[in-house]
Protein backbone atom coordinates (compact mmCIF):
# COMPACT_ATOMS: atom_id res chain seq x y z
CA MET A 1 0.00 0.00 0.00
CA SER A 2 1.36 3.40 -0.93
CA THR A 3 2.07 6.05 1.69
CA LEU A 4 -0.31 8.46 -0.04
CA LYS A 5 -3.28 6.09 0.36
CA LYS A 6 -2.31 5.39 3.97
CA ASN A 7 -2.11 9.12 4.83
CA LYS A 8 -5.46 9.71 3.12
CA ARG A 9 -7.06 6.91 5.17
CA ILE A 10 -5.53 8.28 8.39
CA LYS A 11 -6.92 11.78 7.65
CA LEU A 12 -10.36 10.35 6.90
CA ALA A 13 -10.30 8.29 10.11
CA LYS A 14 -9.42 11.41 12.15
CA ARG A 15 -12.25 13.37 10.53
CA LEU A 16 -14.76 10.56 11.14
CA LYS A 17 -13.69 10.31 14.79
CA LYS A 18 -14.09 14.06 15.32
CA TYR A 19 -17.28 14.82 13.33
CA GLY A 20 -18.92 11.40 13.05
CA ASN A 21 -20.50 10.02 9.91
CA THR A 22 -22.10 12.87 7.95
CA LYS A 23 -23.72 10.69 5.30
CA PRO A 24 -27.51 10.29 5.26
CA ALA A 25 -28.96 7.24 7.04
CA MET A 26 -31.48 5.12 5.16
CA GLY A 27 -34.88 4.20 6.53
CA ASN A 28 -38.51 3.62 5.62
CA SER A 29 -41.46 5.95 5.29
CA LEU A 30 -44.82 4.30 6.07
CA ALA A 31 -48.13 5.30 4.53
CA GLN A 32 -50.94 4.22 6.86
CA ARG A 33 -54.71 4.38 7.03
CA GLY A 34 -57.19 3.79 9.80
CA LYS A 35 -57.63 4.91 13.38
CA ALA A 36 -55.59 3.60 16.31
CA LYS A 37 -57.30 1.01 18.54
CA TYR A 38 -56.80 3.06 21.69
CA LEU A 39 -58.72 5.88 20.00
CA GLY A 40 -61.66 3.59 19.25
CA GLY A 41 -60.65 2.45 15.78
CA ASN A 42 -60.01 -0.92 14.19
CA GLY A 43 -56.21 -0.46 14.12
CA ARG A 44 -53.69 1.15 11.76
CA LYS A 45 -52.98 -0.62 8.47
CA THR A 46 -49.82 0.00 6.44
CA THR A 47 -50.67 0.66 2.80
CA GLY A 48 -47.20 1.44 1.47
CA ILE A 49 -43.53 1.40 2.42
CA THR A 50 -41.02 3.66 0.64
CA ARG A 51 -37.29 4.03 1.18
CA ARG A 52 -36.10 7.46 2.35
CA LYS A 53 -33.00 9.23 3.61
CA PHE A 54 -32.63 10.74 7.07
CA LYS A 55 -30.29 13.66 6.34
CA ARG A 56 -28.11 15.19 9.05
CA ASN A 57 -28.43 18.91 9.69
CA LEU A 58 -25.07 19.98 8.25
CA GLN A 59 -23.70 23.51 8.12
CA LYS A 60 -20.58 24.59 6.24
CA ILE A 61 -18.46 26.52 8.77
CA ARG A 62 -14.84 27.45 9.40
CA VAL A 63 -13.18 25.17 11.96
CA VAL A 64 -9.78 25.13 13.67
CA GLU A 65 -8.18 21.77 12.84
CA ASP A 66 -4.57 21.02 13.87
CA GLY A 67 -3.90 24.77 14.23
CA ARG A 68 -5.20 25.54 10.72
CA ILE A 69 -8.52 27.09 9.72
CA VAL A 70 -10.47 24.90 7.27
CA ARG A 71 -14.03 24.76 5.97
CA ARG A 72 -15.98 21.65 6.93
CA LYS A 73 -19.57 20.43 6.74
CA VAL A 74 -20.36 19.91 10.41
CA PRO A 75 -23.54 18.65 12.16
CA VAL A 76 -25.35 21.39 14.10
CA SER A 77 -25.54 19.11 17.15
CA LEU A 78 -21.74 19.30 17.50
CA ILE A 79 -21.72 23.09 17.05
CA ARG A 80 -24.36 23.54 19.75
CA SER A 81 -22.65 21.19 22.20
CA GLY A 82 -19.39 23.13 21.86
CA GLU A 83 -17.35 20.17 20.62
CA ILE A 84 -16.25 22.17 17.57
CA GLU A 85 -13.55 24.83 17.97
CA LYS A 86 -14.35 27.89 15.84
CA PRO A 87 -11.66 30.41 14.89
CA VAL A 88 -11.56 33.65 16.88
CA VAL A 89 -12.85 36.48 14.70
CA ARG A 90 -11.89 40.01 15.64
CA ALA A 91 -13.49 43.25 14.45
CA PRO A 92 -12.11 44.62 11.18
CA PHE A 93 -9.55 47.47 11.27
CA THR A 94 -8.61 46.79 14.89
CA LEU A 95 -5.31 45.66 16.37
CA GLU A 96 -4.90 42.80 18.75
CA LYS A 97 -3.96 43.93 22.27
CA SER A 98 -0.40 42.99 23.13
CA GLU A 99 0.65 42.66 26.75
């Protein structure tokens, strides 16, 4: 195996560990008719099953990764939980305070 492929796989593994799998998950969508028994009906009957995708809520943001700022598609759940480190943005035309 070439070093290039190995490095690519290592980078992908790091990204998957940090951000999780960002691909859509597959599932089923049920079409039903009838009224539930507990509501006084005869029971729900499935009339059709279709495949569908459960897409993750991804946002394209700037992220600090290994000391570099890169753009990544990141799930909102990770942004909200604070697991993602965003770059510090300062106001334009201002100098950073030096101590």
